[in-house]
């Protein structure tokens, strides 16, 4: 855990997110909290992470998502050397898809 990230305000933000019950509540909260561009950037990074795990090339990822190579590289670095947040969520999403 990055000690520069953890503080009382960030804890409160994450506690608030954990109180959301469904996708509609997430849309409502994040629409109030973030700009559309910020939400789209977060969604893009998650899609980039999925595609990197699927062994897609940077060119394919750029073409499909519009992400810059710098963004793709940053997400890749997080997948390999990060706190495993992407991997945790992507594994859970994959399991959820299997259960459908």
PDB file of N, CA and C in Angstrom:
ATOM      1  N   UNK A   1       0.845  -1.188   0.000  1.00  0.00           N
ATOM      2  CA  UNK A   1       0.000   0.000   0.000  1.00  0.00           C
ATOM      3  C   UNK A   1       0.876   1.232   0.000  1.00  0.00           C
ATOM      4  N   UNK A   2       0.571   2.147  -0.883  1.00  0.00           N
ATOM      5  CA  UNK A   2       1.314   3.389  -1.004  1.00  0.00           C
ATOM      6  C   UNK A   2       0.938   4.321   0.145  1.00  0.00           C
ATOM      7  N   UNK A   3       1.883   4.592   1.016  1.00  0.00           N
ATOM      8  CA  UNK A   3       1.605   5.434   2.181  1.00  0.00           C
ATOM      9  C   UNK A   3       1.256   6.867   1.779  1.00  0.00           C
ATOM     10  N   UNK A   4       1.675   7.301   0.587  1.00  0.00           N
ATOM     11  CA  UNK A   4       1.318   8.636   0.113  1.00  0.00           C
ATOM     12  C   UNK A   4      -0.159   8.713  -0.260  1.00  0.00           C
ATOM     13  N   UNK A   5      -0.751   7.588  -0.557  1.00  0.00           N
ATOM     14  CA  UNK A   5      -2.159   7.536  -0.950  1.00  0.00           C
ATOM     15  C   UNK A   5      -3.081   7.490   0.267  1.00  0.00           C
ATOM     16  N   UNK A   6      -2.672   6.752   1.275  1.00  0.00           N
ATOM     17  CA  UNK A   6      -3.542   6.508   2.431  1.00  0.00           C
ATOM     18  C   UNK A   6      -3.589   7.721   3.353  1.00  0.00           C
ATOM     19  N   UNK A   7      -4.805   8.190   3.571  1.00  0.00           N
ATOM     20  CA  UNK A   7      -5.061   9.217   4.580  1.00  0.00           C
ATOM     21  C   UNK A   7      -6.538   9.162   4.952  1.00  0.00           C
ATOM     22  N   UNK A   8      -6.930   9.978   5.871  1.00  0.00           N
ATOM     23  CA  UNK A   8      -8.302   9.975   6.393  1.00  0.00           C
ATOM     24  C   UNK A   8      -9.329  10.266   5.295  1.00  0.00           C
ATOM     25  N   UNK A   9      -9.031  11.194   4.405  1.00  0.00           N
ATOM     26  CA  UNK A   9      -9.975  11.574   3.354  1.00  0.00           C
ATOM     27  C   UNK A   9     -10.126  10.463   2.314  1.00  0.00           C
ATOM     28  N   UNK A  10      -9.015   9.837   1.972  1.00  0.00           N
ATOM     29  CA  UNK A  10      -9.077   8.741   1.001  1.00  0.00           C
ATOM     30  C   UNK A  10      -9.796   7.543   1.605  1.00  0.00           C
ATOM     31  N   UNK A  11      -9.535   7.279   2.875  1.00  0.00           N
ATOM     32  CA  UNK A  11     -10.277   6.215   3.566  1.00  0.00           C
ATOM     33  C   UNK A  11     -11.780   6.478   3.494  1.00  0.00           C
ATOM     34  N   UNK A  12     -12.188   7.718   3.722  1.00  0.00           N
ATOM     35  CA  UNK A  12     -13.612   8.077   3.671  1.00  0.00           C
ATOM     36  C   UNK A  12     -14.179   7.885   2.269  1.00  0.00           C
ATOM     37  N   UNK A  13     -13.406   8.253   1.247  1.00  0.00           N
ATOM     38  CA  UNK A  13     -13.852   8.052  -0.129  1.00  0.00           C
ATOM     39  C   UNK A  13     -14.080   6.578  -0.400  1.00  0.00           C
ATOM     40  N   UNK A  14     -13.113   5.741  -0.062  1.00  0.00           N
ATOM     41  CA  UNK A  14     -13.248   4.305  -0.331  1.00  0.00           C
ATOM     42  C   UNK A  14     -14.365   3.685   0.499  1.00  0.00           C
ATOM     43  N   UNK A  15     -14.543   4.143   1.729  1.00  0.00           N
ATOM     44  CA  UNK A  15     -15.671   3.666   2.542  1.00  0.00           C
ATOM     45  C   UNK A  15     -16.994   4.022   1.873  1.00  0.00           C
ATOM     46  N   UNK A  16     -17.077   5.223   1.306  1.00  0.00           N
ATOM     47  CA  UNK A  16     -18.299   5.654   0.606  1.00  0.00           C
ATOM     48  C   UNK A  16     -18.549   4.769  -0.610  1.00  0.00           C
ATOM     49  N   UNK A  17     -17.512   4.484  -1.377  1.00  0.00           N
ATOM     50  CA  UNK A  17     -17.665   3.632  -2.563  1.00  0.00           C
ATOM     51  C   UNK A  17     -18.144   2.244  -2.169  1.00  0.00           C
ATOM     52  N   UNK A  18     -17.631   1.732  -1.074  1.00  0.00           N
ATOM     53  CA  UNK A  18     -18.040   0.399  -0.614  1.00  0.00           C
ATOM     54  C   UNK A  18     -19.497   0.351  -0.155  1.00  0.00           C
ATOM     55  N   UNK A  19     -20.104   1.506   0.076  1.00  0.00           N
ATOM     56  CA  UNK A  19     -21.515   1.553   0.466  1.00  0.00           C
ATOM     57  C   UNK A  19     -22.469   1.505  -0.727  1.00  0.00           C
ATOM     58  N   UNK A  20     -21.949   1.662  -1.923  1.00  0.00           N
ATOM     59  CA  UNK A  20     -22.806   1.627  -3.113  1.00  0.00           C
ATOM     60  C   UNK A  20     -23.289   0.208  -3.367  1.00  0.00           C
ATOM     61  N   UNK A  21     -24.575   0.073  -3.698  1.00  0.00           N
ATOM     62  CA  UNK A  21     -25.189  -1.245  -3.799  1.00  0.00           C
ATOM     63  C   UNK A  21     -25.327  -1.801  -5.203  1.00  0.00           C
ATOM     64  N   UNK A  22     -25.299  -0.937  -6.202  1.00  0.00           N
ATOM     65  CA  UNK A  22     -25.517  -1.431  -7.559  1.00  0.00           C
ATOM     66  C   UNK A  22     -24.923  -0.452  -8.578  1.00  0.00           C
ATOM     67  N   UNK A  23     -24.980  -0.844  -9.834  1.00  0.00           N
ATOM     68  CA  UNK A  23     -24.396  -0.046 -10.908  1.00  0.00           C
ATOM     69  C   UNK A  23     -25.037   1.338 -10.986  1.00  0.00           C
ATOM     70  N   UNK A  24     -26.349   1.426 -10.852  1.00  0.00           N
ATOM     71  CA  UNK A  24     -27.037   2.720 -10.934  1.00  0.00           C
ATOM     72  C   UNK A  24     -26.553   3.668  -9.841  1.00  0.00           C
ATOM     73  N   UNK A  25     -26.383   3.166  -8.618  1.00  0.00           N
ATOM     74  CA  UNK A  25     -25.855   4.001  -7.539  1.00  0.00           C
ATOM     75  C   UNK A  25     -24.424   4.443  -7.853  1.00  0.00           C
ATOM     76  N   UNK A  26     -23.641   3.571  -8.466  1.00  0.00           N
ATOM     77  CA  UNK A  26     -22.280   3.933  -8.871  1.00  0.00           C
ATOM     78  C   UNK A  26     -22.310   5.050  -9.907  1.00  0.00           C
ATOM     79  N   UNK A  27     -23.167   4.904 -10.911  1.00  0.00           N
ATOM     80  CA  UNK A  27     -23.294   5.966 -11.918  1.00  0.00           C
ATOM     81  C   UNK A  27     -23.647   7.302 -11.253  1.00  0.00           C
ATOM     82  N   UNK A  28     -24.612   7.287 -10.362  1.00  0.00           N
ATOM     83  CA  UNK A  28     -25.047   8.525  -9.717  1.00  0.00           C
ATOM     84  C   UNK A  28     -23.931   9.148  -8.885  1.00  0.00           C
ATOM     85  N   UNK A  29     -23.264   8.337  -8.093  1.00  0.00           N
ATOM     86  CA  UNK A  29     -22.199   8.847  -7.231  1.00  0.00           C
ATOM     87  C   UNK A  29     -21.025   9.374  -8.044  1.00  0.00           C
ATOM     88  N   UNK A  30     -20.559   8.570  -8.997  1.00  0.00           N
ATOM     89  CA  UNK A  30     -19.394   8.984  -9.772  1.00  0.00           C
ATOM     90  C   UNK A  30     -19.702  10.168 -10.695  1.00  0.00           C
ATOM     91  N   UNK A  31     -20.942  10.286 -11.153  1.00  0.00           N
ATOM     92  CA  UNK A  31     -21.309  11.452 -11.959  1.00  0.00           C
ATOM     93  C   UNK A  31     -21.214  12.725 -11.133  1.00  0.00           C
ATOM     94  N   UNK A  32     -21.572  12.631  -9.855  1.00  0.00           N
ATOM     95  CA  UNK A  32     -21.450  13.784  -8.965  1.00  0.00           C
ATOM     96  C   UNK A  32     -19.996  14.040  -8.567  1.00  0.00           C
ATOM     97  N   UNK A  33     -19.233  12.986  -8.415  1.00  0.00           N
ATOM     98  CA  UNK A  33     -17.866  13.082  -7.895  1.00  0.00           C
ATOM     99  C   UNK A  33     -16.845  13.492  -8.954  1.00  0.00           C
ATOM    100  N   UNK A  34     -16.986  12.958 -10.147  1.00  0.00           N
ATOM    101  CA  UNK A  34     -15.967  13.121 -11.189  1.00  0.00           C
ATOM    102  C   UNK A  34     -16.547  13.804 -12.421  1.00  0.00           C
ATOM    103  N   UNK A  35     -15.646  14.301 -13.250  1.00  0.00           N
ATOM    104  CA  UNK A  35     -16.075  14.774 -14.558  1.00  0.00           C
ATOM    105  C   UNK A  35     -16.286  13.555 -15.461  1.00  0.00           C
ATOM    106  N   UNK A  36     -16.991  13.760 -16.542  1.00  0.00           N
ATOM    107  CA  UNK A  36     -17.187  12.669 -17.501  1.00  0.00           C
ATOM    108  C   UNK A  36     -15.839  12.193 -18.023  1.00  0.00           C
ATOM    109  N   UNK A  37     -14.931  13.129 -18.287  1.00  0.00           N
ATOM    110  CA  UNK A  37     -13.598  12.761 -18.791  1.00  0.00           C
ATOM    111  C   UNK A  37     -12.835  11.897 -17.791  1.00  0.00           C
ATOM    112  N   UNK A  38     -12.962  12.211 -16.524  1.00  0.00           N
ATOM    113  CA  UNK A  38     -12.274  11.406 -15.490  1.00  0.00           C
ATOM    114  C   UNK A  38     -12.839   9.991 -15.426  1.00  0.00           C
ATOM    115  N   UNK A  39     -14.150   9.876 -15.481  1.00  0.00           N
ATOM    116  CA  UNK A  39     -14.778   8.545 -15.454  1.00  0.00           C
ATOM    117  C   UNK A  39     -14.369   7.757 -16.690  1.00  0.00           C
ATOM    118  N   UNK A  40     -14.399   8.404 -17.846  1.00  0.00           N
ATOM    119  CA  UNK A  40     -14.017   7.731 -19.093  1.00  0.00           C
ATOM    120  C   UNK A  40     -12.547   7.296 -19.044  1.00  0.00           C
ATOM    121  N   UNK A  41     -11.675   8.111 -18.446  1.00  0.00           N
ATOM    122  CA  UNK A  41     -10.257   7.759 -18.334  1.00  0.00           C
ATOM    123  C   UNK A  41     -10.075   6.535 -17.444  1.00  0.00           C
ATOM    124  N   UNK A  42     -10.815   6.460 -16.347  1.00  0.00           N
ATOM    125  CA  UNK A  42     -10.746   5.289 -15.461  1.00  0.00           C
ATOM    126  C   UNK A  42     -11.235   4.042 -16.185  1.00  0.00           C
ATOM    127  N   UNK A  43     -12.349   4.174 -16.887  1.00  0.00           N
ATOM    128  CA  UNK A  43     -12.905   3.041 -17.632  1.00  0.00           C
ATOM    129  C   UNK A  43     -11.927   2.589 -18.714  1.00  0.00           C
ATOM    130  N   UNK A  44     -11.294   3.549 -19.370  1.00  0.00           N
ATOM    131  CA  UNK A  44     -10.324   3.224 -20.414  1.00  0.00           C
ATOM    132  C   UNK A  44      -9.154   2.435 -19.834  1.00  0.00           C
ATOM    133  N   UNK A  45      -8.650   2.847 -18.680  1.00  0.00           N
ATOM    134  CA  UNK A  45      -7.525   2.143 -18.053  1.00  0.00           C
ATOM    135  C   UNK A  45      -7.887   0.707 -17.710  1.00  0.00           C
ATOM    136  N   UNK A  46      -9.103   0.497 -17.230  1.00  0.00           N
ATOM    137  CA  UNK A  46      -9.518  -0.872 -16.919  1.00  0.00           C
ATOM    138  C   UNK A  46      -9.584  -1.703 -18.193  1.00  0.00           C
ATOM    139  N   UNK A  47     -10.102  -1.132 -19.262  1.00  0.00           N
ATOM    140  CA  UNK A  47     -10.167  -1.841 -20.543  1.00  0.00           C
ATOM    141  C   UNK A  47      -8.764  -2.142 -21.062  1.00  0.00           C
ATOM    142  N   UNK A  48      -7.856  -1.205 -20.913  1.00  0.00           N
ATOM    143  CA  UNK A  48      -6.465  -1.429 -21.306  1.00  0.00           C
ATOM    144  C   UNK A  48      -5.878  -2.591 -20.510  1.00  0.00           C
ATOM    145  N   UNK A  49      -6.139  -2.631 -19.213  1.00  0.00           N
ATOM    146  CA  UNK A  49      -5.627  -3.718 -18.378  1.00  0.00           C
ATOM    147  C   UNK A  49      -6.169  -5.068 -18.851  1.00  0.00           C
ATOM    148  N   UNK A  50      -7.452  -5.121 -19.167  1.00  0.00           N
ATOM    149  CA  UNK A  50      -8.046  -6.363 -19.691  1.00  0.00           C
ATOM    150  C   UNK A  50      -7.338  -6.800 -20.963  1.00  0.00           C
ATOM    151  N   UNK A  51      -7.133  -5.854 -21.856  1.00  0.00           N
ATOM    152  CA  UNK A  51      -6.531  -6.179 -23.141  1.00  0.00           C
ATOM    153  C   UNK A  51      -5.066  -6.597 -22.986  1.00  0.00           C
ATOM    154  N   UNK A  52      -4.347  -5.957 -22.077  1.00  0.00           N
ATOM    155  CA  UNK A  52      -2.968  -6.365 -21.819  1.00  0.00           C
ATOM    156  C   UNK A  52      -2.911  -7.789 -21.281  1.00  0.00           C
ATOM    157  N   UNK A  53      -3.832  -8.121 -20.393  1.00  0.00           N
ATOM    158  CA  UNK A  53      -3.859  -9.490 -19.860  1.00  0.00           C
ATOM    159  C   UNK A  53      -4.228 -10.496 -20.937  1.00  0.00           C
ATOM    160  N   UNK A  54      -4.963 -10.038 -21.930  1.00  0.00           N
ATOM    161  CA  UNK A  54      -5.302 -10.903 -23.063  1.00  0.00           C
ATOM    162  C   UNK A  54      -4.200 -10.915 -24.124  1.00  0.00           C
ATOM    163  N   UNK A  55      -3.054 -10.315 -23.792  1.00  0.00           N
ATOM    164  CA  UNK A  55      -1.862 -10.305 -24.669  1.00  0.00           C
ATOM    165  C   UNK A  55      -2.061  -9.536 -25.974  1.00  0.00           C
ATOM    166  N   UNK A  56      -2.933  -8.521 -25.949  1.00  0.00           N
ATOM    167  CA  UNK A  56      -3.116  -7.666 -27.119  1.00  0.00           C
ATOM    168  C   UNK A  56      -1.886  -6.760 -27.267  1.00  0.00           C
ATOM    169  N   UNK A  57      -1.602  -6.361 -28.480  1.00  0.00           N
ATOM    170  CA  UNK A  57      -0.463  -5.479 -28.724  1.00  0.00           C
ATOM    171  C   UNK A  57      -0.831  -4.040 -28.386  1.00  0.00           C
ATOM    172  N   UNK A  58       0.192  -3.222 -28.162  1.00  0.00           N
ATOM    173  CA  UNK A  58      -0.038  -1.807 -27.903  1.00  0.00           C
ATOM    174  C   UNK A  58      -0.809  -1.174 -29.057  1.00  0.00           C
ATOM    175  N   UNK A  59      -0.464  -1.553 -30.285  1.00  0.00           N
ATOM    176  CA  UNK A  59      -1.146  -0.993 -31.458  1.00  0.00           C
ATOM    177  C   UNK A  59      -2.625  -1.334 -31.437  1.00  0.00           C
ATOM    178  N   UNK A  60      -2.956  -2.592 -31.163  1.00  0.00           N
ATOM    179  CA  UNK A  60      -4.363  -2.999 -31.083  1.00  0.00           C
ATOM    180  C   UNK A  60      -5.087  -2.245 -29.977  1.00  0.00           C
ATOM    181  N   UNK A  61      -4.421  -2.096 -28.833  1.00  0.00           N
ATOM    182  CA  UNK A  61      -5.039  -1.407 -27.697  1.00  0.00           C
ATOM    183  C   UNK A  61      -5.262   0.066 -28.032  1.00  0.00           C
ATOM    184  N   UNK A  62      -4.266   0.701 -28.643  1.00  0.00           N
ATOM    185  CA  UNK A  62      -4.419   2.111 -29.069  1.00  0.00           C
ATOM    186  C   UNK A  62      -5.598   2.260 -30.012  1.00  0.00           C
ATOM    187  N   UNK A  63      -5.655   1.369 -31.000  1.00  0.00           N
ATOM    188  CA  UNK A  63      -6.718   1.452 -32.011  1.00  0.00           C
ATOM    189  C   UNK A  63      -8.096   1.241 -31.403  1.00  0.00           C
ATOM    190  N   UNK A  64      -8.213   0.283 -30.490  1.00  0.00           N
ATOM    191  CA  UNK A  64      -9.526  -0.054 -29.923  1.00  0.00           C
ATOM    192  C   UNK A  64      -9.997   0.901 -28.842  1.00  0.00           C
ATOM    193  N   UNK A  65      -9.067   1.403 -28.022  1.00  0.00           N
ATOM    194  CA  UNK A  65      -9.474   2.214 -26.868  1.00  0.00           C
ATOM    195  C   UNK A  65      -9.179   3.692 -27.023  1.00  0.00           C
ATOM    196  N   UNK A  66      -8.267   4.028 -27.933  1.00  0.00           N
ATOM    197  CA  UNK A  66      -7.841   5.413 -28.051  1.00  0.00           C
ATOM    198  C   UNK A  66      -6.824   5.818 -26.998  1.00  0.00           C
ATOM    199  N   UNK A  67      -6.386   4.871 -26.180  1.00  0.00           N
ATOM    200  CA  UNK A  67      -5.398   5.167 -25.137  1.00  0.00           C
ATOM    201  C   UNK A  67      -4.043   5.452 -25.767  1.00  0.00           C
ATOM    202  N   UNK A  68      -3.300   6.331 -25.142  1.00  0.00           N
ATOM    203  CA  UNK A  68      -1.948   6.637 -25.611  1.00  0.00           C
ATOM    204  C   UNK A  68      -1.010   5.506 -25.187  1.00  0.00           C
ATOM    205  N   UNK A  69       0.131   5.443 -25.843  1.00  0.00           N
ATOM    206  CA  UNK A  69       1.116   4.428 -25.453  1.00  0.00           C
ATOM    207  C   UNK A  69       1.616   4.687 -24.033  1.00  0.00           C
ATOM    208  N   UNK A  70       1.650   5.944 -23.617  1.00  0.00           N
ATOM    209  CA  UNK A  70       2.055   6.270 -22.245  1.00  0.00           C
ATOM    210  C   UNK A  70       1.068   5.686 -21.233  1.00  0.00           C
ATOM    211  N   UNK A  71      -0.228   5.804 -21.523  1.00  0.00           N
ATOM    212  CA  UNK A  71      -1.244   5.226 -20.637  1.00  0.00           C
ATOM    213  C   UNK A  71      -1.139   3.706 -20.619  1.00  0.00           C
ATOM    214  N   UNK A  72      -0.967   3.113 -21.774  1.00  0.00           N
ATOM    215  CA  UNK A  72      -0.847   1.653 -21.853  1.00  0.00           C
ATOM    216  C   UNK A  72       0.373   1.187 -21.073  1.00  0.00           C
ATOM    217  N   UNK A  73       1.473   1.894 -21.221  1.00  0.00           N
ATOM    218  CA  UNK A  73       2.695   1.544 -20.514  1.00  0.00           C
ATOM    219  C   UNK A  73       2.512   1.656 -19.004  1.00  0.00           C
ATOM    220  N   UNK A  74       1.830   2.704 -18.563  1.00  0.00           N
ATOM    221  CA  UNK A  74       1.584   2.888 -17.125  1.00  0.00           C
ATOM    222  C   UNK A  74       0.720   1.758 -16.573  1.00  0.00           C
ATOM    223  N   UNK A  75      -0.339   1.414 -17.299  1.00  0.00           N
ATOM    224  CA  UNK A  75      -1.213   0.324 -16.854  1.00  0.00           C
ATOM    225  C   UNK A  75      -0.435  -0.991 -16.828  1.00  0.00           C
ATOM    226  N   UNK A  76       0.392  -1.210 -17.849  1.00  0.00           N
ATOM    227  CA  UNK A  76       1.195  -2.431 -17.893  1.00  0.00           C
ATOM    228  C   UNK A  76       2.140  -2.502 -16.703  1.00  0.00           C
ATOM    229  N   UNK A  77       2.758  -1.376 -16.372  1.00  0.00           N
ATOM    230  CA  UNK A  77       3.659  -1.329 -15.219  1.00  0.00           C
ATOM    231  C   UNK A  77       2.900  -1.686 -13.936  1.00  0.00           C
ATOM    232  N   UNK A  78       1.676  -1.198 -13.816  1.00  0.00           N
ATOM    233  CA  UNK A  78       0.863  -1.524 -12.637  1.00  0.00           C
ATOM    234  C   UNK A  78       0.502  -3.014 -12.600  1.00  0.00           C
ATOM    235  N   UNK A  79       0.197  -3.576 -13.762  1.00  0.00           N
ATOM    236  CA  UNK A  79      -0.121  -5.004 -13.821  1.00  0.00           C
ATOM    237  C   UNK A  79       1.063  -5.852 -13.384  1.00  0.00           C
ATOM    238  N   UNK A  80       2.259  -5.434 -13.752  1.00  0.00           N
ATOM    239  CA  UNK A  80       3.455  -6.228 -13.468  1.00  0.00           C
ATOM    240  C   UNK A  80       4.031  -5.920 -12.090  1.00  0.00           C
ATOM    241  N   UNK A  81       4.120  -4.646 -11.737  1.00  0.00           N
ATOM    242  CA  UNK A  81       4.828  -4.244 -10.522  1.00  0.00           C
ATOM    243  C   UNK A  81       3.944  -3.562  -9.480  1.00  0.00           C
ATOM    244  N   UNK A  82       2.665  -3.420  -9.762  1.00  0.00           N
ATOM    245  CA  UNK A  82       1.786  -2.647  -8.892  1.00  0.00           C
ATOM    246  C   UNK A  82       1.296  -3.408  -7.672  1.00  0.00           C
ATOM    247  N   UNK A  83       0.251  -2.890  -7.088  1.00  0.00           N
ATOM    248  CA  UNK A  83      -0.318  -3.420  -5.851  1.00  0.00           C
ATOM    249  C   UNK A  83      -1.297  -4.567  -6.092  1.00  0.00           C
ATOM    250  N   UNK A  84      -1.403  -5.041  -7.325  1.00  0.00           N
ATOM    251  CA  UNK A  84      -2.285  -6.138  -7.727  1.00  0.00           C
ATOM    252  C   UNK A  84      -3.771  -5.782  -7.718  1.00  0.00           C
ATOM    253  N   UNK A  85      -4.077  -4.498  -7.696  1.00  0.00           N
ATOM    254  CA  UNK A  85      -5.470  -4.076  -7.736  1.00  0.00           C
ATOM    255  C   UNK A  85      -6.159  -4.434  -9.035  1.00  0.00           C
ATOM    256  N   UNK A  86      -5.480  -4.174 -10.160  1.00  0.00           N
ATOM    257  CA  UNK A  86      -6.053  -4.550 -11.452  1.00  0.00           C
ATOM    258  C   UNK A  86      -6.294  -6.054 -11.506  1.00  0.00           C
ATOM    259  N   UNK A  87      -5.281  -6.821 -11.128  1.00  0.00           N
ATOM    260  CA  UNK A  87      -5.409  -8.278 -11.212  1.00  0.00           C
ATOM    261  C   UNK A  87      -6.528  -8.807 -10.327  1.00  0.00           C
ATOM    262  N   UNK A  88      -6.665  -8.245  -9.151  1.00  0.00           N
ATOM    263  CA  UNK A  88      -7.742  -8.664  -8.243  1.00  0.00           C
ATOM    264  C   UNK A  88      -9.105  -8.444  -8.897  1.00  0.00           C
ATOM    265  N   UNK A  89      -9.308  -7.234  -9.414  1.00  0.00           N
ATOM    266  CA  UNK A  89     -10.603  -6.897 -10.011  1.00  0.00           C
ATOM    267  C   UNK A  89     -10.839  -7.692 -11.296  1.00  0.00           C
ATOM    268  N   UNK A  90      -9.817  -7.806 -12.126  1.00  0.00           N
ATOM    269  CA  UNK A  90      -9.986  -8.541 -13.383  1.00  0.00           C
ATOM    270  C   UNK A  90     -10.260 -10.020 -13.134  1.00  0.00           C
ATOM    271  N   UNK A  91      -9.615 -10.602 -12.141  1.00  0.00           N
ATOM    272  CA  UNK A  91      -9.905 -11.997 -11.780  1.00  0.00           C
ATOM    273  C   UNK A  91     -11.355 -12.150 -11.325  1.00  0.00           C
ATOM    274  N   UNK A  92     -11.820 -11.222 -10.518  1.00  0.00           N
ATOM    275  CA  UNK A  92     -13.202 -11.289 -10.022  1.00  0.00           C
ATOM    276  C   UNK A  92     -14.208 -11.076 -11.147  1.00  0.00           C
ATOM    277  N   UNK A  93     -13.908 -10.162 -12.053  1.00  0.00           N
ATOM    278  CA  UNK A  93     -14.799  -9.958 -13.200  1.00  0.00           C
ATOM    279  C   UNK A  93     -14.846 -11.213 -14.068  1.00  0.00           C
ATOM    280  N   UNK A  94     -13.715 -11.846 -14.237  1.00  0.00           N
ATOM    281  CA  UNK A  94     -13.646 -13.081 -15.032  1.00  0.00           C
ATOM    282  C   UNK A  94     -14.480 -14.181 -14.376  1.00  0.00           C
ATOM    283  N   UNK A  95     -14.389 -14.299 -13.064  1.00  0.00           N
ATOM    284  CA  UNK A  95     -15.187 -15.287 -12.335  1.00  0.00           C
ATOM    285  C   UNK A  95     -16.676 -14.982 -12.460  1.00  0.00           C
ATOM    286  N   UNK A  96     -17.021 -13.715 -12.365  1.00  0.00           N
ATOM    287  CA  UNK A  96     -18.421 -13.307 -12.487  1.00  0.00           C
ATOM    288  C   UNK A  96     -18.967 -13.675 -13.865  1.00  0.00           C
ATOM    289  N   UNK A  97     -18.154 -13.459 -14.908  1.00  0.00           N
ATOM    290  CA  UNK A  97     -18.564 -13.812 -16.274  1.00  0.00           C
ATOM    291  C   UNK A  97     -18.769 -15.315 -16.432  1.00  0.00           C
ATOM    292  N   UNK A  98     -17.963 -16.111 -15.752  1.00  0.00           N
ATOM    293  CA  UNK A  98     -18.108 -17.569 -15.796  1.00  0.00           C
ATOM    294  C   UNK A  98     -19.434 -18.019 -15.170  1.00  0.00           C
ATOM    295  N   UNK A  99     -19.846 -17.300 -14.121  1.00  0.00           N
ATOM    296  CA  UNK A  99     -21.063 -17.661 -13.396  1.00  0.00           C
ATOM    297  C   UNK A  99     -22.339 -17.307 -14.148  1.00  0.00           C
ATOM    298  N   UNK A 100     -22.222 -16.506 -15.199  1.00  0.00           N
ATOM    299  CA  UNK A 100     -23.411 -16.086 -15.952  1.00  0.00           C
ATOM    300  C   UNK A 100     -23.948 -17.205 -16.804  1.00  0.00           C
TER     301      UNK A 100
END
